[in-house]
Amino acid sequence: MTAGRPGRPVRRAHARRALAAGSAVAALAAGLLAGCTASDGSTGTAVEGQGYTSGDGSVRTWPADHRSTAVTVSGTDFAGDPVDVADWRGDVVVLNTWYAECPPCRKEAPALVDLANDYAARGVHVLGINGTNDAGAAEAFQRTFSVPYPSIAESDGRAIAALQGAVPVQAVPTTVVLDREGRVAARVLGLADASTLRGLVDDVLADDAGTAG
C-alpha cells in the first residue's frame, strides 16, 4: 500500500461535504429569492391557469364578456371595522395583497396611495389584504405611507380563498382590479408600476361607462 492511498477517502468525504454545503446554500438562496413571490401553477377556469411565473409584474386583463362572476371579499380591518366589497358594488375596486416587510410592497405603496386619493371622486376604492402582520406592524406601515384606505386583517385566509376561485393570487404583492359588477377585470402579479396601474383602472372605468351607456 502506498503512502498516498489512505488520503483518498478523506478527499472524497471533503468533496461530499462541499457538495452538500453548496446544495444548502443554493436552497437558501432560492428561498430568499422566493420571499415575496410564488409560482402560478393553478389550473381550471379560463381566468385561472395562465401558466407563467408569478411576481414578475406580469399584467393580465379580461374583456367584459370574459370576466368571472362577482367575487365576494370581506373581513375586518386593522382598526376592527368590518369591510365588504359588496358595499362598493357599482364602483371600481382595487385589491392589493401586501405585508409590511415585503420590499416590493413598500416600493409600490406610494402609487397605491396616490391612486386612492386621486381616483376617490371617480368611484374607485382601494382595499389591502394582509395575512402576515399583526395590527401593530400593519398600522405602522399605514402611518409611514399615509395610507388612506383600509386593509383586511386576513387571519383566516377567507379573502384570498374567495379570490382564488376567480383569479390566482399567489404572489405578494398582487393587485386585482374589479369592475363595477365585482368581476375580475385585471391582475398584476408582483410590483405594480404606477402608470400601468392607472391605465388598468382607466380602462375599467371607460369600459364600464360604455356598458352603462
N, C-alpha and C. Protein backbone atom coordinates (compact mmCIF):
# COMPACT_ATOMS: atom_id res chain seq x y z
N MET A 1 0.86 -1.19 0.00
CA MET A 1 0.00 0.00 0.00
C MET A 1 0.89 1.23 0.00
N THR A 2 0.58 2.17 -0.86
CA THR A 2 1.40 3.37 -0.94
C THR A 2 0.97 4.35 0.12
N ALA A 3 1.82 5.34 0.38
CA ALA A 3 1.53 6.31 1.44
C ALA A 3 0.38 7.22 1.08
N GLY A 4 0.15 7.40 -0.24
CA GLY A 4 -0.88 8.36 -0.66
C GLY A 4 -2.30 7.83 -0.59
N ARG A 5 -2.50 6.50 -0.58
CA ARG A 5 -3.84 5.96 -0.70
C ARG A 5 -4.74 6.26 0.49
N PRO A 6 -4.24 6.22 1.75
CA PRO A 6 -5.15 6.48 2.88
C PRO A 6 -5.84 7.83 2.78
N GLY A 7 -5.25 8.77 2.05
CA GLY A 7 -5.86 10.10 1.99
C GLY A 7 -7.03 10.19 1.05
N ARG A 8 -7.24 9.24 0.13
CA ARG A 8 -8.30 9.37 -0.87
C ARG A 8 -9.69 9.39 -0.27
N PRO A 9 -10.03 8.46 0.68
CA PRO A 9 -11.36 8.55 1.28
C PRO A 9 -11.61 9.88 1.93
N VAL A 10 -10.58 10.48 2.52
CA VAL A 10 -10.74 11.78 3.17
C VAL A 10 -11.10 12.83 2.14
N ARG A 11 -10.39 12.78 0.96
CA ARG A 11 -10.71 13.76 -0.08
C ARG A 11 -12.13 13.58 -0.59
N ARG A 12 -12.57 12.31 -0.74
CA ARG A 12 -13.93 12.08 -1.18
C ARG A 12 -14.94 12.59 -0.16
N ALA A 13 -14.64 12.41 1.11
CA ALA A 13 -15.53 12.90 2.17
C ALA A 13 -15.63 14.41 2.13
N HIS A 14 -14.44 15.07 1.93
CA HIS A 14 -14.45 16.53 1.81
C HIS A 14 -15.31 16.96 0.62
N ALA A 15 -15.22 16.23 -0.50
CA ALA A 15 -15.99 16.57 -1.69
C ALA A 15 -17.48 16.43 -1.43
N ARG A 16 -17.87 15.35 -0.71
CA ARG A 16 -19.29 15.16 -0.41
C ARG A 16 -19.80 16.27 0.49
N ARG A 17 -18.95 16.66 1.50
CA ARG A 17 -19.38 17.74 2.39
C ARG A 17 -19.50 19.05 1.64
N ALA A 18 -18.59 19.31 0.72
CA ALA A 18 -18.64 20.55 -0.06
C ALA A 18 -19.86 20.59 -0.95
N LEU A 19 -20.20 19.42 -1.56
CA LEU A 19 -21.38 19.36 -2.41
C LEU A 19 -22.64 19.60 -1.59
N ALA A 20 -22.70 19.00 -0.40
CA ALA A 20 -23.87 19.19 0.45
C ALA A 20 -23.99 20.64 0.88
N ALA A 21 -22.87 21.27 1.21
CA ALA A 21 -22.91 22.67 1.62
C ALA A 21 -23.37 23.55 0.48
N GLY A 22 -22.88 23.22 -0.72
CA GLY A 22 -23.30 24.00 -1.88
C GLY A 22 -24.79 23.89 -2.13
N SER A 23 -25.34 22.68 -1.95
CA SER A 23 -26.78 22.49 -2.14
C SER A 23 -27.57 23.27 -1.11
N ALA A 24 -27.07 23.31 0.12
CA ALA A 24 -27.76 24.05 1.17
C ALA A 24 -27.78 25.54 0.88
N VAL A 25 -26.64 26.06 0.40
CA VAL A 25 -26.58 27.48 0.05
C VAL A 25 -27.52 27.80 -1.09
N ALA A 26 -27.56 26.92 -2.09
CA ALA A 26 -28.47 27.13 -3.23
C ALA A 26 -29.91 27.14 -2.78
N ALA A 27 -30.26 26.21 -1.87
CA ALA A 27 -31.63 26.16 -1.38
C ALA A 27 -31.99 27.42 -0.60
N LEU A 28 -31.03 27.91 0.21
CA LEU A 28 -31.26 29.12 0.97
C LEU A 28 -31.46 30.30 0.05
N ALA A 29 -30.62 30.40 -0.99
CA ALA A 29 -30.75 31.50 -1.95
C ALA A 29 -32.09 31.46 -2.65
N ALA A 30 -32.52 30.25 -3.03
CA ALA A 30 -33.81 30.14 -3.70
C ALA A 30 -34.94 30.58 -2.79
N GLY A 31 -34.82 30.23 -1.51
CA GLY A 31 -35.84 30.65 -0.56
C GLY A 31 -35.91 32.14 -0.40
N LEU A 32 -34.74 32.79 -0.35
CA LEU A 32 -34.71 34.24 -0.23
C LEU A 32 -35.29 34.91 -1.46
N LEU A 33 -34.96 34.39 -2.65
CA LEU A 33 -35.48 34.97 -3.88
C LEU A 33 -36.99 34.81 -3.97
N ALA A 34 -37.51 33.75 -3.37
CA ALA A 34 -38.95 33.50 -3.44
C ALA A 34 -39.70 34.15 -2.30
N GLY A 35 -39.04 35.01 -1.52
CA GLY A 35 -39.64 35.57 -0.33
C GLY A 35 -40.94 36.30 -0.56
N CYS A 36 -41.11 37.01 -1.68
CA CYS A 36 -42.33 37.75 -1.94
C CYS A 36 -43.09 37.22 -3.14
N THR A 37 -42.67 36.05 -3.68
CA THR A 37 -43.34 35.53 -4.86
C THR A 37 -43.56 34.04 -4.73
N ALA A 38 -44.38 33.54 -5.64
CA ALA A 38 -44.61 32.10 -5.71
C ALA A 38 -44.95 31.75 -7.14
N SER A 39 -44.91 30.46 -7.46
CA SER A 39 -45.23 30.02 -8.82
C SER A 39 -46.72 29.97 -9.04
N ASP A 40 -47.17 30.47 -10.16
CA ASP A 40 -48.59 30.46 -10.52
C ASP A 40 -48.88 29.18 -11.29
N GLY A 41 -49.18 28.13 -10.53
CA GLY A 41 -49.34 26.84 -11.17
C GLY A 41 -50.76 26.33 -11.17
N SER A 42 -51.71 27.24 -10.95
CA SER A 42 -53.09 26.78 -10.84
C SER A 42 -53.66 26.43 -12.20
N THR A 43 -54.69 25.61 -12.19
CA THR A 43 -55.37 25.24 -13.43
C THR A 43 -56.86 25.26 -13.17
N GLY A 44 -57.64 25.35 -14.22
CA GLY A 44 -59.09 25.28 -14.04
C GLY A 44 -59.79 26.16 -15.03
N THR A 45 -60.45 27.24 -14.56
CA THR A 45 -61.27 28.08 -15.42
C THR A 45 -60.40 28.91 -16.35
N ALA A 46 -61.09 29.63 -17.26
CA ALA A 46 -60.38 30.48 -18.21
C ALA A 46 -59.61 31.58 -17.52
N VAL A 47 -60.03 31.97 -16.32
CA VAL A 47 -59.33 33.01 -15.58
C VAL A 47 -58.09 32.43 -14.92
N GLU A 48 -58.17 31.18 -14.52
CA GLU A 48 -57.04 30.54 -13.89
C GLU A 48 -56.10 29.94 -14.93
N GLY A 49 -54.97 29.39 -14.43
CA GLY A 49 -54.11 28.58 -15.27
C GLY A 49 -53.41 29.33 -16.37
N GLN A 50 -52.87 30.49 -16.08
CA GLN A 50 -52.19 31.24 -17.13
C GLN A 50 -50.80 30.68 -17.43
N GLY A 51 -50.23 29.91 -16.51
CA GLY A 51 -49.04 29.14 -16.81
C GLY A 51 -47.73 29.90 -16.86
N TYR A 52 -47.62 31.03 -16.15
CA TYR A 52 -46.34 31.70 -16.10
C TYR A 52 -45.99 31.99 -14.66
N THR A 53 -44.72 32.30 -14.41
CA THR A 53 -44.26 32.51 -13.04
C THR A 53 -44.78 33.83 -12.51
N SER A 54 -45.30 33.78 -11.31
CA SER A 54 -45.89 34.98 -10.73
C SER A 54 -44.82 35.88 -10.12
N GLY A 55 -45.25 37.10 -9.79
CA GLY A 55 -44.38 38.01 -9.08
C GLY A 55 -43.46 38.82 -9.95
N ASP A 56 -43.61 38.79 -11.27
CA ASP A 56 -42.68 39.49 -12.15
C ASP A 56 -43.27 40.74 -12.76
N GLY A 57 -44.40 41.21 -12.23
CA GLY A 57 -45.05 42.39 -12.77
C GLY A 57 -45.93 42.10 -13.97
N SER A 58 -46.16 40.82 -14.27
CA SER A 58 -46.98 40.45 -15.41
C SER A 58 -48.41 40.98 -15.25
N VAL A 59 -48.97 41.45 -16.34
CA VAL A 59 -50.32 42.01 -16.33
C VAL A 59 -51.25 41.10 -17.15
N ARG A 60 -52.41 40.84 -16.62
CA ARG A 60 -53.44 40.07 -17.32
C ARG A 60 -54.74 40.84 -17.25
N THR A 61 -55.43 40.99 -18.36
CA THR A 61 -56.73 41.67 -18.37
C THR A 61 -57.77 40.76 -19.00
N TRP A 62 -59.03 41.01 -18.66
CA TRP A 62 -60.14 40.26 -19.21
C TRP A 62 -61.18 41.23 -19.77
N PRO A 63 -61.58 41.05 -21.04
CA PRO A 63 -62.64 41.90 -21.58
C PRO A 63 -63.94 41.62 -20.85
N ALA A 64 -64.86 42.57 -20.92
CA ALA A 64 -66.09 42.49 -20.12
C ALA A 64 -66.86 41.20 -20.34
N ASP A 65 -66.86 40.69 -21.58
CA ASP A 65 -67.65 39.48 -21.86
C ASP A 65 -66.92 38.19 -21.51
N HIS A 66 -65.72 38.28 -20.93
CA HIS A 66 -64.99 37.09 -20.50
C HIS A 66 -64.62 37.12 -19.01
N ARG A 67 -65.30 37.95 -18.26
CA ARG A 67 -64.96 38.07 -16.84
C ARG A 67 -65.72 37.07 -15.99
N SER A 68 -65.13 36.78 -14.83
CA SER A 68 -65.73 35.84 -13.89
C SER A 68 -67.00 36.43 -13.29
N THR A 69 -67.68 35.62 -12.51
CA THR A 69 -68.79 36.15 -11.72
C THR A 69 -68.22 37.04 -10.61
N ALA A 70 -69.08 37.80 -9.99
CA ALA A 70 -68.64 38.72 -8.93
C ALA A 70 -67.97 37.94 -7.80
N VAL A 71 -66.86 38.49 -7.30
CA VAL A 71 -66.17 37.87 -6.18
C VAL A 71 -66.66 38.50 -4.88
N THR A 72 -66.58 37.73 -3.83
CA THR A 72 -67.01 38.19 -2.51
C THR A 72 -65.79 38.25 -1.60
N VAL A 73 -65.42 39.45 -1.21
CA VAL A 73 -64.27 39.65 -0.32
C VAL A 73 -64.74 40.49 0.86
N SER A 74 -64.57 39.96 2.04
CA SER A 74 -64.98 40.68 3.24
C SER A 74 -64.07 40.29 4.39
N GLY A 75 -64.12 41.08 5.44
CA GLY A 75 -63.30 40.80 6.61
C GLY A 75 -63.34 41.98 7.57
N THR A 76 -62.36 42.01 8.45
CA THR A 76 -62.24 43.09 9.44
C THR A 76 -60.92 43.79 9.24
N ASP A 77 -60.94 45.12 9.22
CA ASP A 77 -59.69 45.82 9.01
C ASP A 77 -58.91 45.92 10.32
N PHE A 78 -57.71 46.51 10.25
CA PHE A 78 -56.83 46.53 11.42
C PHE A 78 -57.31 47.50 12.50
N ALA A 79 -58.32 48.31 12.19
CA ALA A 79 -58.94 49.16 13.20
C ALA A 79 -60.12 48.47 13.86
N GLY A 80 -60.44 47.26 13.38
CA GLY A 80 -61.54 46.50 13.95
C GLY A 80 -62.88 46.73 13.30
N ASP A 81 -62.88 47.41 12.15
CA ASP A 81 -64.14 47.70 11.45
C ASP A 81 -64.39 46.69 10.34
N PRO A 82 -65.65 46.32 10.11
CA PRO A 82 -65.98 45.37 9.03
C PRO A 82 -65.82 46.03 7.67
N VAL A 83 -65.35 45.24 6.69
CA VAL A 83 -65.19 45.70 5.31
C VAL A 83 -65.78 44.63 4.40
N ASP A 84 -66.57 45.05 3.41
CA ASP A 84 -67.17 44.11 2.46
C ASP A 84 -67.22 44.81 1.11
N VAL A 85 -66.54 44.24 0.11
CA VAL A 85 -66.52 44.90 -1.20
C VAL A 85 -67.91 44.93 -1.83
N ALA A 86 -68.84 44.10 -1.35
CA ALA A 86 -70.21 44.15 -1.87
C ALA A 86 -70.85 45.50 -1.61
N ASP A 87 -70.39 46.19 -0.55
CA ASP A 87 -70.91 47.52 -0.25
C ASP A 87 -70.48 48.54 -1.31
N TRP A 88 -69.44 48.19 -2.09
CA TRP A 88 -68.93 49.11 -3.13
C TRP A 88 -69.39 48.69 -4.52
N ARG A 89 -70.35 47.76 -4.59
CA ARG A 89 -70.83 47.34 -5.90
C ARG A 89 -71.40 48.54 -6.64
N GLY A 90 -71.03 48.69 -7.88
CA GLY A 90 -71.35 49.89 -8.64
C GLY A 90 -70.15 50.80 -8.81
N ASP A 91 -69.08 50.54 -8.02
CA ASP A 91 -67.82 51.27 -8.12
C ASP A 91 -66.71 50.30 -8.52
N VAL A 92 -65.60 50.85 -8.97
CA VAL A 92 -64.42 50.04 -9.29
C VAL A 92 -63.62 49.83 -8.02
N VAL A 93 -63.12 48.62 -7.82
CA VAL A 93 -62.37 48.28 -6.60
C VAL A 93 -61.00 47.74 -6.98
N VAL A 94 -59.98 48.22 -6.28
CA VAL A 94 -58.61 47.74 -6.46
C VAL A 94 -58.20 47.01 -5.19
N LEU A 95 -57.90 45.73 -5.32
CA LEU A 95 -57.46 44.90 -4.20
C LEU A 95 -55.95 44.70 -4.29
N ASN A 96 -55.27 44.78 -3.15
CA ASN A 96 -53.81 44.65 -3.14
C ASN A 96 -53.36 43.82 -1.96
N THR A 97 -52.67 42.70 -2.23
CA THR A 97 -52.10 41.91 -1.14
C THR A 97 -50.74 42.47 -0.77
N TRP A 98 -50.43 42.48 0.52
CA TRP A 98 -49.18 43.09 0.97
C TRP A 98 -48.84 42.62 2.37
N TYR A 99 -47.59 42.84 2.76
CA TYR A 99 -47.21 42.78 4.17
C TYR A 99 -46.05 43.75 4.38
N ALA A 100 -45.87 44.19 5.59
CA ALA A 100 -45.03 45.35 5.88
C ALA A 100 -43.57 45.16 5.51
N GLU A 101 -43.05 43.94 5.64
CA GLU A 101 -41.63 43.70 5.41
C GLU A 101 -41.29 43.39 3.96
N CYS A 102 -42.28 43.34 3.09
CA CYS A 102 -42.09 42.96 1.69
C CYS A 102 -41.56 44.15 0.90
N PRO A 103 -40.31 44.09 0.35
CA PRO A 103 -39.74 45.25 -0.36
C PRO A 103 -40.59 45.77 -1.51
N PRO A 104 -41.12 44.91 -2.42
CA PRO A 104 -41.95 45.47 -3.48
C PRO A 104 -43.24 46.08 -2.98
N CYS A 105 -43.75 45.58 -1.85
CA CYS A 105 -44.95 46.18 -1.27
C CYS A 105 -44.67 47.61 -0.83
N ARG A 106 -43.52 47.82 -0.22
CA ARG A 106 -43.14 49.16 0.22
C ARG A 106 -42.87 50.06 -0.98
N LYS A 107 -42.31 49.50 -2.03
CA LYS A 107 -41.98 50.31 -3.19
C LYS A 107 -43.24 50.79 -3.92
N GLU A 108 -44.27 49.94 -3.98
CA GLU A 108 -45.47 50.30 -4.72
C GLU A 108 -46.49 51.06 -3.87
N ALA A 109 -46.27 51.13 -2.56
CA ALA A 109 -47.24 51.77 -1.67
C ALA A 109 -47.57 53.21 -2.07
N PRO A 110 -46.57 54.05 -2.39
CA PRO A 110 -46.93 55.43 -2.78
C PRO A 110 -47.83 55.49 -4.00
N ALA A 111 -47.65 54.59 -4.98
CA ALA A 111 -48.50 54.58 -6.16
C ALA A 111 -49.94 54.23 -5.79
N LEU A 112 -50.12 53.29 -4.88
CA LEU A 112 -51.47 52.92 -4.45
C LEU A 112 -52.12 54.03 -3.65
N VAL A 113 -51.33 54.69 -2.81
CA VAL A 113 -51.85 55.82 -2.03
C VAL A 113 -52.30 56.95 -2.97
N ASP A 114 -51.47 57.28 -3.94
CA ASP A 114 -51.84 58.33 -4.90
C ASP A 114 -53.09 57.94 -5.69
N LEU A 115 -53.16 56.66 -6.09
CA LEU A 115 -54.34 56.19 -6.82
C LEU A 115 -55.59 56.35 -5.98
N ALA A 116 -55.52 55.93 -4.72
CA ALA A 116 -56.68 56.02 -3.84
C ALA A 116 -57.13 57.46 -3.67
N ASN A 117 -56.17 58.37 -3.50
CA ASN A 117 -56.52 59.78 -3.31
C ASN A 117 -57.04 60.42 -4.60
N ASP A 118 -56.38 60.12 -5.71
CA ASP A 118 -56.72 60.79 -6.97
C ASP A 118 -58.01 60.27 -7.61
N TYR A 119 -58.36 59.00 -7.34
CA TYR A 119 -59.50 58.40 -8.02
C TYR A 119 -60.73 58.24 -7.11
N ALA A 120 -60.63 58.67 -5.88
CA ALA A 120 -61.77 58.50 -4.97
C ALA A 120 -63.02 59.18 -5.50
N ALA A 121 -62.87 60.37 -6.08
CA ALA A 121 -64.02 61.10 -6.59
C ALA A 121 -64.63 60.44 -7.82
N ARG A 122 -63.90 59.51 -8.44
CA ARG A 122 -64.40 58.82 -9.63
C ARG A 122 -65.02 57.46 -9.27
N GLY A 123 -65.19 57.22 -7.99
CA GLY A 123 -65.83 55.98 -7.58
C GLY A 123 -64.90 54.79 -7.58
N VAL A 124 -63.63 55.00 -7.21
CA VAL A 124 -62.65 53.91 -7.12
C VAL A 124 -62.26 53.71 -5.66
N HIS A 125 -62.34 52.48 -5.20
CA HIS A 125 -61.96 52.13 -3.83
C HIS A 125 -60.74 51.23 -3.87
N VAL A 126 -59.84 51.40 -2.91
CA VAL A 126 -58.67 50.54 -2.76
C VAL A 126 -58.80 49.80 -1.43
N LEU A 127 -58.50 48.52 -1.46
CA LEU A 127 -58.56 47.69 -0.25
C LEU A 127 -57.33 46.81 -0.18
N GLY A 128 -56.61 46.87 0.92
CA GLY A 128 -55.47 46.00 1.14
C GLY A 128 -55.89 44.69 1.77
N ILE A 129 -55.09 43.65 1.54
CA ILE A 129 -55.31 42.34 2.17
C ILE A 129 -53.97 41.89 2.74
N ASN A 130 -53.90 41.74 4.05
CA ASN A 130 -52.65 41.42 4.72
C ASN A 130 -52.87 40.23 5.65
N GLY A 131 -52.26 39.10 5.31
CA GLY A 131 -52.41 37.90 6.12
C GLY A 131 -51.17 37.55 6.91
N THR A 132 -50.24 38.50 7.04
CA THR A 132 -48.95 38.23 7.68
C THR A 132 -48.76 39.01 8.98
N ASN A 133 -49.06 40.29 8.95
CA ASN A 133 -48.71 41.17 10.06
C ASN A 133 -49.79 41.24 11.13
N ASP A 134 -49.37 41.56 12.35
CA ASP A 134 -50.33 41.91 13.39
C ASP A 134 -50.70 43.38 13.23
N ALA A 135 -51.62 43.83 14.04
CA ALA A 135 -52.12 45.20 13.88
C ALA A 135 -51.02 46.23 14.07
N GLY A 136 -50.10 45.99 15.00
CA GLY A 136 -49.03 46.96 15.24
C GLY A 136 -48.17 47.20 14.01
N ALA A 137 -47.70 46.11 13.38
CA ALA A 137 -46.84 46.25 12.20
C ALA A 137 -47.61 46.81 11.01
N ALA A 138 -48.86 46.37 10.83
CA ALA A 138 -49.65 46.84 9.70
C ALA A 138 -49.98 48.33 9.83
N GLU A 139 -50.37 48.75 11.01
CA GLU A 139 -50.73 50.16 11.20
C GLU A 139 -49.50 51.06 11.13
N ALA A 140 -48.34 50.55 11.53
CA ALA A 140 -47.10 51.33 11.38
C ALA A 140 -46.80 51.57 9.91
N PHE A 141 -46.99 50.53 9.09
CA PHE A 141 -46.82 50.66 7.64
C PHE A 141 -47.80 51.71 7.09
N GLN A 142 -49.03 51.64 7.52
CA GLN A 142 -50.04 52.56 7.03
C GLN A 142 -49.73 54.00 7.42
N ARG A 143 -49.19 54.20 8.62
CA ARG A 143 -48.79 55.55 9.03
C ARG A 143 -47.60 56.04 8.23
N THR A 144 -46.62 55.16 7.99
CA THR A 144 -45.41 55.54 7.26
C THR A 144 -45.75 56.06 5.88
N PHE A 145 -46.68 55.40 5.19
CA PHE A 145 -47.01 55.76 3.82
C PHE A 145 -48.31 56.57 3.71
N SER A 146 -48.86 57.00 4.86
CA SER A 146 -50.11 57.79 4.88
C SER A 146 -51.19 57.11 4.05
N VAL A 147 -51.39 55.83 4.32
CA VAL A 147 -52.36 55.03 3.56
C VAL A 147 -53.79 55.46 3.95
N PRO A 148 -54.60 55.90 2.98
CA PRO A 148 -55.94 56.39 3.30
C PRO A 148 -57.03 55.31 3.24
N TYR A 149 -56.66 54.12 2.79
CA TYR A 149 -57.66 53.07 2.59
C TYR A 149 -57.46 51.95 3.62
N PRO A 150 -58.49 51.15 3.86
CA PRO A 150 -58.37 50.07 4.86
C PRO A 150 -57.67 48.85 4.29
N SER A 151 -57.24 47.99 5.20
CA SER A 151 -56.70 46.68 4.82
C SER A 151 -57.34 45.63 5.71
N ILE A 152 -57.77 44.54 5.08
CA ILE A 152 -58.33 43.42 5.82
C ILE A 152 -57.22 42.69 6.57
N ALA A 153 -57.47 42.41 7.84
CA ALA A 153 -56.58 41.57 8.63
C ALA A 153 -56.92 40.11 8.30
N GLU A 154 -56.17 39.57 7.35
CA GLU A 154 -56.50 38.28 6.74
C GLU A 154 -55.99 37.13 7.59
N SER A 155 -56.50 37.02 8.81
CA SER A 155 -56.01 35.98 9.73
C SER A 155 -56.54 34.60 9.41
N ASP A 156 -57.69 34.53 8.75
CA ASP A 156 -58.31 33.22 8.48
C ASP A 156 -58.23 32.81 7.02
N GLY A 157 -57.67 33.68 6.15
CA GLY A 157 -57.49 33.31 4.75
C GLY A 157 -58.74 33.37 3.90
N ARG A 158 -59.84 33.90 4.43
CA ARG A 158 -61.10 33.87 3.68
C ARG A 158 -61.08 34.76 2.44
N ALA A 159 -60.47 35.94 2.57
CA ALA A 159 -60.48 36.87 1.44
C ALA A 159 -59.70 36.31 0.25
N ILE A 160 -58.52 35.76 0.54
CA ILE A 160 -57.72 35.17 -0.53
C ILE A 160 -58.42 33.95 -1.12
N ALA A 161 -59.03 33.15 -0.27
CA ALA A 161 -59.75 31.97 -0.75
C ALA A 161 -60.90 32.38 -1.68
N ALA A 162 -61.57 33.47 -1.36
CA ALA A 162 -62.66 33.93 -2.20
C ALA A 162 -62.15 34.37 -3.56
N LEU A 163 -60.99 35.01 -3.59
CA LEU A 163 -60.41 35.45 -4.85
C LEU A 163 -59.89 34.29 -5.68
N GLN A 164 -59.33 33.28 -5.01
CA GLN A 164 -58.69 32.18 -5.73
C GLN A 164 -59.64 31.46 -6.68
N GLY A 165 -60.93 31.50 -6.38
CA GLY A 165 -61.87 30.84 -7.26
C GLY A 165 -62.01 31.53 -8.61
N ALA A 166 -61.59 32.80 -8.67
CA ALA A 166 -61.71 33.55 -9.92
C ALA A 166 -60.37 33.89 -10.54
N VAL A 167 -59.34 34.09 -9.72
CA VAL A 167 -58.05 34.53 -10.22
C VAL A 167 -56.96 34.10 -9.23
N PRO A 168 -55.86 33.51 -9.70
CA PRO A 168 -54.79 33.11 -8.79
C PRO A 168 -54.18 34.34 -8.11
N VAL A 169 -54.05 34.26 -6.80
CA VAL A 169 -53.42 35.34 -6.02
C VAL A 169 -52.34 34.68 -5.17
N GLN A 170 -51.22 34.33 -5.81
CA GLN A 170 -50.20 33.55 -5.14
C GLN A 170 -48.87 34.28 -5.04
N ALA A 171 -48.86 35.55 -5.37
CA ALA A 171 -47.67 36.37 -5.17
C ALA A 171 -48.03 37.52 -4.25
N VAL A 172 -47.06 37.98 -3.51
CA VAL A 172 -47.23 39.18 -2.69
C VAL A 172 -46.14 40.16 -3.09
N PRO A 173 -46.51 41.30 -3.65
CA PRO A 173 -47.88 41.78 -3.81
C PRO A 173 -48.55 41.25 -5.08
N THR A 174 -49.86 41.19 -5.04
CA THR A 174 -50.70 41.01 -6.22
C THR A 174 -51.78 42.09 -6.17
N THR A 175 -52.08 42.68 -7.31
CA THR A 175 -53.12 43.70 -7.39
C THR A 175 -54.19 43.24 -8.36
N VAL A 176 -55.44 43.30 -7.92
CA VAL A 176 -56.58 42.86 -8.72
C VAL A 176 -57.56 44.02 -8.85
N VAL A 177 -58.00 44.28 -10.08
CA VAL A 177 -58.99 45.34 -10.32
C VAL A 177 -60.33 44.68 -10.60
N LEU A 178 -61.34 45.08 -9.83
CA LEU A 178 -62.70 44.58 -10.02
C LEU A 178 -63.53 45.66 -10.71
N ASP A 179 -64.36 45.24 -11.66
CA ASP A 179 -65.23 46.21 -12.32
C ASP A 179 -66.42 46.54 -11.43
N ARG A 180 -67.34 47.35 -11.94
CA ARG A 180 -68.46 47.82 -11.12
C ARG A 180 -69.42 46.69 -10.73
N GLU A 181 -69.32 45.56 -11.41
CA GLU A 181 -70.14 44.41 -11.05
C GLU A 181 -69.41 43.46 -10.10
N GLY A 182 -68.20 43.83 -9.70
CA GLY A 182 -67.44 43.00 -8.78
C GLY A 182 -66.68 41.88 -9.45
N ARG A 183 -66.55 41.93 -10.78
CA ARG A 183 -65.86 40.88 -11.52
C ARG A 183 -64.39 41.25 -11.74
N VAL A 184 -63.53 40.22 -11.83
CA VAL A 184 -62.11 40.46 -12.05
C VAL A 184 -61.90 40.98 -13.46
N ALA A 185 -61.33 42.17 -13.57
CA ALA A 185 -61.06 42.79 -14.86
C ALA A 185 -59.59 42.82 -15.20
N ALA A 186 -58.72 42.84 -14.19
CA ALA A 186 -57.28 42.91 -14.43
C ALA A 186 -56.53 42.41 -13.21
N ARG A 187 -55.29 41.97 -13.45
CA ARG A 187 -54.44 41.49 -12.37
C ARG A 187 -52.99 41.82 -12.69
N VAL A 188 -52.27 42.24 -11.66
CA VAL A 188 -50.82 42.44 -11.75
C VAL A 188 -50.16 41.53 -10.73
N LEU A 189 -49.30 40.64 -11.18
CA LEU A 189 -48.57 39.74 -10.28
C LEU A 189 -47.22 40.37 -9.95
N GLY A 190 -47.04 40.76 -8.71
CA GLY A 190 -45.80 41.41 -8.32
C GLY A 190 -45.97 42.91 -8.28
N LEU A 191 -44.84 43.62 -8.29
CA LEU A 191 -44.82 45.08 -8.17
C LEU A 191 -45.64 45.72 -9.29
N ALA A 192 -46.59 46.56 -8.91
CA ALA A 192 -47.44 47.25 -9.88
C ALA A 192 -46.84 48.61 -10.20
N ASP A 193 -46.48 48.82 -11.46
CA ASP A 193 -46.00 50.12 -11.90
C ASP A 193 -47.14 51.13 -11.83
N ALA A 194 -46.82 52.36 -11.39
CA ALA A 194 -47.86 53.37 -11.16
C ALA A 194 -48.65 53.67 -12.43
N SER A 195 -47.96 53.89 -13.54
CA SER A 195 -48.66 54.23 -14.78
C SER A 195 -49.47 53.06 -15.30
N THR A 196 -48.94 51.85 -15.15
CA THR A 196 -49.68 50.66 -15.57
C THR A 196 -50.96 50.50 -14.77
N LEU A 197 -50.84 50.69 -13.46
CA LEU A 197 -52.00 50.55 -12.59
C LEU A 197 -53.08 51.56 -12.93
N ARG A 198 -52.68 52.81 -13.14
CA ARG A 198 -53.65 53.83 -13.51
C ARG A 198 -54.30 53.53 -14.86
N GLY A 199 -53.49 53.02 -15.78
CA GLY A 199 -54.04 52.66 -17.09
C GLY A 199 -55.09 51.57 -16.99
N LEU A 200 -54.83 50.57 -16.14
CA LEU A 200 -55.80 49.49 -15.96
C LEU A 200 -57.10 50.01 -15.37
N VAL A 201 -56.99 50.87 -14.36
CA VAL A 201 -58.18 51.43 -13.74
C VAL A 201 -58.94 52.31 -14.73
N ASP A 202 -58.20 53.12 -15.49
CA ASP A 202 -58.84 53.97 -16.50
C ASP A 202 -59.61 53.12 -17.52
N ASP A 203 -59.01 52.01 -17.92
CA ASP A 203 -59.66 51.14 -18.90
C ASP A 203 -60.94 50.56 -18.36
N VAL A 204 -60.92 50.13 -17.09
CA VAL A 204 -62.13 49.56 -16.50
C VAL A 204 -63.20 50.63 -16.32
N LEU A 205 -62.80 51.82 -15.91
CA LEU A 205 -63.76 52.92 -15.81
C LEU A 205 -64.40 53.22 -17.17
N ALA A 206 -63.58 53.24 -18.20
CA ALA A 206 -64.08 53.53 -19.55
C ALA A 206 -64.97 52.41 -20.06
N ASP A 207 -64.58 51.14 -19.83
CA ASP A 207 -65.40 50.00 -20.25
C ASP A 207 -66.76 50.04 -19.58
N ASP A 208 -66.74 50.29 -18.26
CA ASP A 208 -67.98 50.30 -17.53
C ASP A 208 -68.88 51.47 -17.92
N ALA A 209 -68.25 52.61 -18.22
CA ALA A 209 -69.03 53.76 -18.67
C ALA A 209 -69.70 53.45 -20.01
N GLY A 210 -68.96 52.76 -20.89
CA GLY A 210 -69.53 52.38 -22.19
C GLY A 210 -70.65 51.39 -22.04
N THR A 211 -70.50 50.45 -21.11
CA THR A 211 -71.55 49.46 -20.88
C THR A 211 -72.80 50.11 -20.33
N ALA A 212 -72.56 51.07 -19.40
CA ALA A 212 -73.69 51.75 -18.78
C ALA A 212 -74.44 52.60 -19.80
N GLY A 213 -73.70 53.12 -20.82
CA GLY A 213 -74.33 53.95 -21.83
C GLY A 213 -75.06 53.11 -22.83
